[in-house]
Amino acid sequence: MKIELTLLIGIAFAFIILLAILIDLCATKKIVNVTKKIHLERKTCDVCASVFFFSIPSKFWRCSLCGSMNKEK
């Protein structure tokens, strides 16, 4: 049975690509299982009474609905 050189090279590349995908899946599996703790703060606008949730705490924030500046109480 004769195997052409291009067929042999194609099979080798396909095997290398599949091997790289399997290694990548095994490596990223550990990263994906990391749990993230996100703390959301509920803030109400003093002018229009809209409710917003922020993940990064700040002393001053701007209402996206009416545009007024608000200060944390």
N, C-alpha and C. Protein backbone atom coordinates (compact mmCIF):
# COMPACT_ATOMS: atom_id res chain seq x y z
N MET A 1 0.84 -1.17 0.00
CA MET A 1 0.00 0.00 0.00
C MET A 1 0.88 1.23 0.00
N LYS A 2 0.62 2.10 -0.95
CA LYS A 2 1.39 3.33 -1.08
C LYS A 2 0.65 4.48 -0.43
N ILE A 3 1.36 5.28 0.35
CA ILE A 3 0.80 6.48 0.95
C ILE A 3 1.54 7.67 0.35
N GLU A 4 0.77 8.60 -0.18
CA GLU A 4 1.38 9.78 -0.76
C GLU A 4 1.94 10.69 0.33
N LEU A 5 2.93 11.46 -0.02
CA LEU A 5 3.57 12.36 0.94
C LEU A 5 2.60 13.43 1.43
N THR A 6 1.78 13.99 0.55
CA THR A 6 0.84 15.03 0.96
C THR A 6 -0.23 14.48 1.90
N LEU A 7 -0.67 13.24 1.69
CA LEU A 7 -1.63 12.62 2.59
C LEU A 7 -1.01 12.40 3.96
N LEU A 8 0.22 11.96 4.00
CA LEU A 8 0.92 11.75 5.26
C LEU A 8 1.10 13.07 6.02
N ILE A 9 1.45 14.14 5.31
CA ILE A 9 1.61 15.45 5.94
C ILE A 9 0.26 15.95 6.44
N GLY A 10 -0.81 15.76 5.69
CA GLY A 10 -2.15 16.17 6.10
C GLY A 10 -2.62 15.45 7.36
N ILE A 11 -2.38 14.15 7.41
CA ILE A 11 -2.75 13.37 8.60
C ILE A 11 -1.94 13.82 9.81
N ALA A 12 -0.66 14.11 9.61
CA ALA A 12 0.19 14.56 10.71
C ALA A 12 -0.29 15.92 11.23
N PHE A 13 -0.61 16.84 10.33
CA PHE A 13 -1.11 18.15 10.77
C PHE A 13 -2.46 18.03 11.49
N ALA A 14 -3.34 17.18 11.00
CA ALA A 14 -4.63 16.99 11.65
C ALA A 14 -4.44 16.43 13.06
N PHE A 15 -3.54 15.48 13.21
CA PHE A 15 -3.25 14.91 14.52
C PHE A 15 -2.67 15.96 15.47
N ILE A 16 -1.78 16.79 14.97
CA ILE A 16 -1.17 17.85 15.80
C ILE A 16 -2.23 18.86 16.22
N ILE A 17 -3.13 19.23 15.31
CA ILE A 17 -4.18 20.19 15.65
C ILE A 17 -5.13 19.61 16.69
N LEU A 18 -5.54 18.36 16.53
CA LEU A 18 -6.41 17.73 17.52
C LEU A 18 -5.73 17.62 18.88
N LEU A 19 -4.46 17.30 18.89
CA LEU A 19 -3.71 17.22 20.13
C LEU A 19 -3.62 18.59 20.81
N ALA A 20 -3.41 19.65 20.03
CA ALA A 20 -3.34 21.00 20.59
C ALA A 20 -4.69 21.42 21.17
N ILE A 21 -5.79 21.05 20.52
CA ILE A 21 -7.12 21.38 21.03
C ILE A 21 -7.39 20.65 22.34
N LEU A 22 -7.02 19.40 22.43
CA LEU A 22 -7.22 18.63 23.66
C LEU A 22 -6.39 19.19 24.81
N ILE A 23 -5.16 19.57 24.53
CA ILE A 23 -4.30 20.15 25.57
C ILE A 23 -4.87 21.48 26.03
N ASP A 24 -5.37 22.29 25.10
CA ASP A 24 -5.96 23.59 25.45
C ASP A 24 -7.22 23.40 26.29
N LEU A 25 -8.05 22.43 25.96
CA LEU A 25 -9.25 22.17 26.74
C LEU A 25 -8.91 21.73 28.17
N CYS A 26 -7.90 20.90 28.30
CA CYS A 26 -7.49 20.46 29.63
C CYS A 26 -6.89 21.61 30.44
N ALA A 27 -6.17 22.50 29.79
CA ALA A 27 -5.54 23.62 30.49
C ALA A 27 -6.56 24.66 30.92
N THR A 28 -7.55 24.95 30.10
CA THR A 28 -8.53 25.99 30.44
C THR A 28 -9.63 25.47 31.36
N LYS A 29 -9.73 24.20 31.53
CA LYS A 29 -10.75 23.64 32.40
C LYS A 29 -10.54 24.10 33.85
N LYS A 30 -9.30 24.25 34.26
CA LYS A 30 -9.00 24.70 35.61
C LYS A 30 -9.35 26.17 35.79
N ILE A 31 -9.20 26.98 34.75
CA ILE A 31 -9.47 28.41 34.83
C ILE A 31 -10.97 28.68 34.86
N VAL A 32 -11.73 27.91 34.13
CA VAL A 32 -13.17 28.14 34.02
C VAL A 32 -13.88 27.85 35.34
N ASN A 33 -13.38 26.94 36.15
CA ASN A 33 -14.04 26.57 37.38
C ASN A 33 -13.82 27.55 38.53
N VAL A 34 -13.12 28.64 38.30
CA VAL A 34 -12.87 29.64 39.33
C VAL A 34 -14.16 30.42 39.57
N THR A 35 -14.57 30.53 40.82
CA THR A 35 -15.78 31.28 41.12
C THR A 35 -15.44 32.74 41.36
N LYS A 36 -16.27 33.61 40.84
CA LYS A 36 -16.06 35.04 40.99
C LYS A 36 -17.11 35.59 41.93
N LYS A 37 -16.66 36.39 42.88
CA LYS A 37 -17.57 37.02 43.82
C LYS A 37 -17.77 38.48 43.40
N ILE A 38 -18.98 38.79 42.96
CA ILE A 38 -19.29 40.14 42.53
C ILE A 38 -20.30 40.72 43.52
N HIS A 39 -19.94 41.84 44.09
CA HIS A 39 -20.81 42.51 45.06
C HIS A 39 -21.44 43.71 44.37
N LEU A 40 -22.76 43.69 44.24
CA LEU A 40 -23.48 44.80 43.63
C LEU A 40 -24.10 45.68 44.70
N GLU A 41 -23.97 46.99 44.51
CA GLU A 41 -24.58 47.95 45.42
C GLU A 41 -25.78 48.59 44.74
N ARG A 42 -26.88 48.69 45.45
CA ARG A 42 -28.09 49.31 44.93
C ARG A 42 -28.09 50.77 45.33
N LYS A 43 -28.22 51.66 44.33
CA LYS A 43 -28.26 53.09 44.59
C LYS A 43 -29.47 53.69 43.89
N THR A 44 -30.09 54.66 44.55
CA THR A 44 -31.27 55.34 44.01
C THR A 44 -30.92 56.79 43.74
N CYS A 45 -31.32 57.26 42.57
CA CYS A 45 -31.08 58.66 42.20
C CYS A 45 -31.95 59.56 43.06
N ASP A 46 -31.35 60.67 43.55
CA ASP A 46 -32.07 61.61 44.41
C ASP A 46 -33.08 62.45 43.63
N VAL A 47 -32.85 62.63 42.33
CA VAL A 47 -33.70 63.50 41.54
C VAL A 47 -34.87 62.74 40.91
N CYS A 48 -34.57 61.66 40.17
CA CYS A 48 -35.63 60.97 39.43
C CYS A 48 -36.04 59.65 40.07
N ALA A 49 -35.40 59.23 41.14
CA ALA A 49 -35.72 58.00 41.89
C ALA A 49 -35.50 56.73 41.08
N SER A 50 -34.62 56.78 40.11
CA SER A 50 -34.27 55.57 39.36
C SER A 50 -33.33 54.71 40.20
N VAL A 51 -33.42 53.40 40.03
CA VAL A 51 -32.60 52.48 40.80
C VAL A 51 -31.51 51.91 39.90
N PHE A 52 -30.27 51.92 40.39
CA PHE A 52 -29.13 51.41 39.64
C PHE A 52 -28.34 50.46 40.52
N PHE A 53 -27.63 49.55 39.88
CA PHE A 53 -26.76 48.61 40.58
C PHE A 53 -25.34 48.81 40.08
N PHE A 54 -24.40 49.03 41.00
CA PHE A 54 -23.01 49.25 40.67
C PHE A 54 -22.14 48.16 41.28
N SER A 55 -21.16 47.71 40.52
CA SER A 55 -20.25 46.69 41.05
C SER A 55 -19.00 47.32 41.66
N ILE A 56 -18.67 48.53 41.23
CA ILE A 56 -17.50 49.23 41.77
C ILE A 56 -18.00 50.36 42.66
N PRO A 57 -17.74 50.29 43.95
CA PRO A 57 -18.24 51.35 44.84
C PRO A 57 -17.52 52.67 44.59
N SER A 58 -18.29 53.75 44.57
CA SER A 58 -17.71 55.09 44.41
C SER A 58 -18.52 56.07 45.24
N LYS A 59 -17.89 57.19 45.61
CA LYS A 59 -18.55 58.18 46.44
C LYS A 59 -19.55 59.00 45.63
N PHE A 60 -19.17 59.36 44.42
CA PHE A 60 -20.05 60.12 43.54
C PHE A 60 -20.38 59.28 42.32
N TRP A 61 -21.59 59.41 41.82
CA TRP A 61 -22.00 58.71 40.60
C TRP A 61 -23.04 59.52 39.86
N ARG A 62 -23.10 59.34 38.55
CA ARG A 62 -24.00 60.11 37.70
C ARG A 62 -25.15 59.21 37.25
N CYS A 63 -26.36 59.72 37.36
CA CYS A 63 -27.54 58.99 36.92
C CYS A 63 -27.56 58.96 35.40
N SER A 64 -27.72 57.81 34.83
CA SER A 64 -27.73 57.71 33.37
C SER A 64 -29.07 58.12 32.77
N LEU A 65 -30.10 58.21 33.58
CA LEU A 65 -31.41 58.60 33.07
C LEU A 65 -31.59 60.12 33.02
N CYS A 66 -31.33 60.80 34.14
CA CYS A 66 -31.53 62.25 34.17
C CYS A 66 -30.22 63.04 34.10
N GLY A 67 -29.08 62.41 34.35
CA GLY A 67 -27.78 63.07 34.24
C GLY A 67 -27.33 63.82 35.48
N SER A 68 -28.05 63.71 36.58
CA SER A 68 -27.67 64.44 37.80
C SER A 68 -26.57 63.70 38.55
N MET A 69 -25.73 64.49 39.23
CA MET A 69 -24.66 63.92 40.05
C MET A 69 -25.24 63.58 41.42
N ASN A 70 -24.92 62.42 41.91
CA ASN A 70 -25.42 61.97 43.21
C ASN A 70 -24.25 61.62 44.10
N LYS A 71 -24.43 61.79 45.38
CA LYS A 71 -23.41 61.46 46.37
C LYS A 71 -23.92 60.31 47.23
N GLU A 72 -23.01 59.42 47.57
CA GLU A 72 -23.38 58.29 48.41
C GLU A 72 -23.78 58.79 49.79
N LYS A 73 -24.83 58.23 50.31
CA LYS A 73 -25.36 58.69 51.61
C LYS A 73 -24.63 58.07 52.77
